Amino acid sequence: MKKFLIGSISAFLPLMAFAQNAIPQVVTSYSDVQLVLTTVGNWMFGILLSLAVLFLLYAAFTYLRAGGDPSKVDEAKNIIIYAIIAVVVAVLAKGMVMLAQSLIPGAGVTTPGA
């Protein structure tokens, strides 16, 4: 289990290098802070959902491999429950950010020239 977790996290490390292009090098205004927070939030949302899908696949494999062993079936069920909780938390967090942006004037994404 630990090897699976470490392997899945290390698979996302090269993707973090690409995030440097999306984040401004010097943060000088409120919009830069908002851009940084939005970018980091979007990356974390994607990573969390990807990990949840990987854990769901791992749980399905564990369930199929259980062969009727009640302890392994319970382990697979627990992994599925935690993966679903992770998806719910990720969606709620993303929804709360969107709600906060809609309630705070000027906090939403602005279009150029508007």
C-alpha atoms as a PDB file:
ATOM      1  CA  MET A   1       0.000   0.000   0.000  1.00  0.00           C
ATOM      2  CA  LYS A   2       2.809   2.421   0.866  1.00  0.00           C
ATOM      3  CA  LYS A   3       4.630   1.615  -2.368  1.00  0.00           C
ATOM      4  CA  PHE A   4       1.431   2.277  -4.333  1.00  0.00           C
ATOM      5  CA  LEU A   5       0.919   5.638  -2.613  1.00  0.00           C
ATOM      6  CA  ILE A   6       4.526   6.723  -3.103  1.00  0.00           C
ATOM      7  CA  GLY A   7       4.451   5.613  -6.735  1.00  0.00           C
ATOM      8  CA  SER A   8       1.220   7.457  -7.476  1.00  0.00           C
ATOM      9  CA  ILE A   9       2.493  10.663  -5.859  1.00  0.00           C
ATOM     10  CA  SER A  10       5.851  10.490  -7.636  1.00  0.00           C
ATOM     11  CA  ALA A  11       4.021  10.129 -10.958  1.00  0.00           C
ATOM     12  CA  PHE A  12       2.644  13.662 -10.502  1.00  0.00           C
ATOM     13  CA  LEU A  13       5.952  15.322  -9.611  1.00  0.00           C
ATOM     14  CA  PRO A  14       7.011  15.998 -13.234  1.00  0.00           C
ATOM     15  CA  LEU A  15       3.669  17.719 -13.786  1.00  0.00           C
ATOM     16  CA  MET A  16       4.464  20.179 -11.006  1.00  0.00           C
ATOM     17  CA  ALA A  17       7.312  21.562 -13.121  1.00  0.00           C
ATOM     18  CA  PHE A  18       4.771  22.703 -15.700  1.00  0.00           C
ATOM     19  CA  ALA A  19       2.900  24.660 -13.030  1.00  0.00           C
ATOM     20  CA  GLN A  20       5.780  27.123 -12.819  1.00  0.00           C
ATOM     21  CA  ASN A  21       4.771  28.585 -16.185  1.00  0.00           C
ATOM     22  CA  ALA A  22       1.215  29.270 -14.980  1.00  0.00           C
ATOM     23  CA  ILE A  23       2.212  31.095 -11.787  1.00  0.00           C
ATOM     24  CA  PRO A  24       3.713  34.591 -12.054  1.00  0.00           C
ATOM     25  CA  GLN A  25       7.305  34.889 -10.858  1.00  0.00           C
ATOM     26  CA  VAL A  26       6.676  38.121  -8.934  1.00  0.00           C
ATOM     27  CA  VAL A  27       3.420  38.665  -7.070  1.00  0.00           C
ATOM     28  CA  THR A  28       2.714  42.398  -6.947  1.00  0.00           C
ATOM     29  CA  SER A  29      -1.065  42.765  -6.913  1.00  0.00           C
ATOM     30  CA  TYR A  30      -4.271  41.214  -5.655  1.00  0.00           C
ATOM     31  CA  SER A  31      -4.963  39.681  -9.062  1.00  0.00           C
ATOM     32  CA  ASP A  32      -1.559  37.930  -8.964  1.00  0.00           C
ATOM     33  CA  VAL A  33      -2.385  36.449  -5.549  1.00  0.00           C
ATOM     34  CA  GLN A  34      -5.755  35.357  -6.878  1.00  0.00           C
ATOM     35  CA  LEU A  35      -4.074  33.780  -9.914  1.00  0.00           C
ATOM     36  CA  VAL A  36      -1.621  31.883  -7.713  1.00  0.00           C
ATOM     37  CA  LEU A  37      -4.358  30.595  -5.404  1.00  0.00           C
ATOM     38  CA  THR A  38      -6.596  29.621  -8.308  1.00  0.00           C
ATOM     39  CA  THR A  39      -3.770  27.810 -10.101  1.00  0.00           C
ATOM     40  CA  VAL A  40      -2.682  25.918  -6.995  1.00  0.00           C
ATOM     41  CA  GLY A  41      -6.300  25.050  -6.197  1.00  0.00           C
ATOM     42  CA  ASN A  42      -6.935  23.743  -9.699  1.00  0.00           C
ATOM     43  CA  TRP A  43      -3.783  21.622  -9.595  1.00  0.00           C
ATOM     44  CA  MET A  44      -4.662  20.185  -6.187  1.00  0.00           C
ATOM     45  CA  PHE A  45      -8.222  19.483  -7.339  1.00  0.00           C
ATOM     46  CA  GLY A  46      -6.944  17.577 -10.379  1.00  0.00           C
ATOM     47  CA  ILE A  47      -4.355  15.667  -8.380  1.00  0.00           C
ATOM     48  CA  LEU A  48      -6.877  14.723  -5.689  1.00  0.00           C
ATOM     49  CA  LEU A  49      -9.391  13.477  -8.240  1.00  0.00           C
ATOM     50  CA  SER A  50      -6.691  11.539 -10.098  1.00  0.00           C
ATOM     51  CA  LEU A  51      -5.514   9.897  -6.886  1.00  0.00           C
ATOM     52  CA  ALA A  52      -9.102   9.038  -5.970  1.00  0.00           C
ATOM     53  CA  VAL A  53      -9.564   7.296  -9.325  1.00  0.00           C
ATOM     54  CA  LEU A  54      -6.302   5.400  -8.843  1.00  0.00           C
ATOM     55  CA  PHE A  55      -7.391   4.282  -5.383  1.00  0.00           C
ATOM     56  CA  LEU A  56     -10.776   3.195  -6.741  1.00  0.00           C
ATOM     57  CA  LEU A  57      -8.997   1.053  -9.332  1.00  0.00           C
ATOM     58  CA  TYR A  58      -6.705  -0.342  -6.633  1.00  0.00           C
ATOM     59  CA  ALA A  59      -9.731  -1.150  -4.451  1.00  0.00           C
ATOM     60  CA  ALA A  60     -11.459  -2.896  -7.356  1.00  0.00           C
ATOM     61  CA  PHE A  61      -8.332  -4.965  -7.975  1.00  0.00           C
ATOM     62  CA  THR A  62      -8.087  -5.798  -4.265  1.00  0.00           C
ATOM     63  CA  TYR A  63     -11.752  -6.817  -4.215  1.00  0.00           C
ATOM     64  CA  LEU A  64     -11.339  -9.066  -7.240  1.00  0.00           C
ATOM     65  CA  ARG A  65      -8.171 -10.593  -5.790  1.00  0.00           C
ATOM     66  CA  ALA A  66      -9.772 -11.218  -2.385  1.00  0.00           C
ATOM     67  CA  GLY A  67     -11.173 -14.590  -3.338  1.00  0.00           C
ATOM     68  CA  GLY A  68     -13.829 -14.437  -0.630  1.00  0.00           C
ATOM     69  CA  ASP A  69     -11.440 -13.541   2.201  1.00  0.00           C
ATOM     70  CA  PRO A  70     -13.550 -11.286   4.474  1.00  0.00           C
ATOM     71  CA  SER A  71     -10.595  -9.201   5.679  1.00  0.00           C
ATOM     72  CA  LYS A  72      -9.505  -8.344   2.130  1.00  0.00           C
ATOM     73  CA  VAL A  73     -13.075  -7.593   1.099  1.00  0.00           C
ATOM     74  CA  ASP A  74     -13.416  -5.236   4.076  1.00  0.00           C
ATOM     75  CA  GLU A  75     -10.101  -3.585   3.155  1.00  0.00           C
ATOM     76  CA  ALA A  76     -11.339  -2.999  -0.412  1.00  0.00           C
ATOM     77  CA  LYS A  77     -14.627  -1.571   0.874  1.00  0.00           C
ATOM     78  CA  ASN A  78     -12.777   0.814   3.189  1.00  0.00           C
ATOM     79  CA  ILE A  79     -10.551   2.009   0.348  1.00  0.00           C
ATOM     80  CA  ILE A  80     -13.637   2.638  -1.804  1.00  0.00           C
ATOM     81  CA  ILE A  81     -15.316   4.582   1.000  1.00  0.00           C
ATOM     82  CA  TYR A  82     -12.244   6.769   1.563  1.00  0.00           C
ATOM     83  CA  ALA A  83     -11.825   7.393  -2.178  1.00  0.00           C
ATOM     84  CA  ILE A  84     -15.459   8.488  -2.445  1.00  0.00           C
ATOM     85  CA  ILE A  85     -15.001  10.762   0.578  1.00  0.00           C
ATOM     86  CA  ALA A  86     -11.943  12.288  -1.145  1.00  0.00           C
ATOM     87  CA  VAL A  87     -13.999  12.997  -4.280  1.00  0.00           C
ATOM     88  CA  VAL A  88     -16.786  14.585  -2.220  1.00  0.00           C
ATOM     89  CA  VAL A  89     -14.316  16.758  -0.283  1.00  0.00           C
ATOM     90  CA  ALA A  90     -12.615  17.865  -3.521  1.00  0.00           C
ATOM     91  CA  VAL A  91     -15.918  18.800  -5.156  1.00  0.00           C
ATOM     92  CA  LEU A  92     -17.117  20.634  -2.033  1.00  0.00           C
ATOM     93  CA  ALA A  93     -13.839  22.545  -1.769  1.00  0.00           C
ATOM     94  CA  LYS A  94     -14.017  23.556  -5.424  1.00  0.00           C
ATOM     95  CA  GLY A  95     -17.644  24.582  -4.956  1.00  0.00           C
ATOM     96  CA  MET A  96     -16.808  26.683  -1.897  1.00  0.00           C
ATOM     97  CA  VAL A  97     -14.101  28.523  -3.841  1.00  0.00           C
ATOM     98  CA  MET A  98     -16.536  29.215  -6.675  1.00  0.00           C
ATOM     99  CA  LEU A  99     -19.161  30.381  -4.177  1.00  0.00           C
ATOM    100  CA  ALA A 100     -16.682  32.723  -2.487  1.00  0.00           C
ATOM    101  CA  GLN A 101     -15.640  34.145  -5.855  1.00  0.00           C
ATOM    102  CA  SER A 102     -19.260  34.806  -6.764  1.00  0.00           C
ATOM    103  CA  LEU A 103     -19.981  36.537  -3.425  1.00  0.00           C
ATOM    104  CA  ILE A 104     -16.867  38.754  -3.299  1.00  0.00           C
ATOM    105  CA  PRO A 105     -17.031  41.612  -5.794  1.00  0.00           C
ATOM    106  CA  GLY A 106     -14.104  41.569  -8.183  1.00  0.00           C
ATOM    107  CA  ALA A 107     -12.928  38.137  -7.066  1.00  0.00           C
ATOM    108  CA  GLY A 108     -14.094  36.291 -10.147  1.00  0.00           C
ATOM    109  CA  VAL A 109     -12.106  35.655 -13.281  1.00  0.00           C
ATOM    110  CA  THR A 110     -11.945  38.825 -15.324  1.00  0.00           C
ATOM    111  CA  THR A 111     -11.782  38.898 -19.086  1.00  0.00           C
ATOM    112  CA  PRO A 112      -9.292  41.147 -20.861  1.00  0.00           C
ATOM    113  CA  GLY A 113     -10.817  44.382 -22.084  1.00  0.00           C
ATOM    114  CA  ALA A 114     -13.871  44.183 -19.846  1.00  0.00           C
END
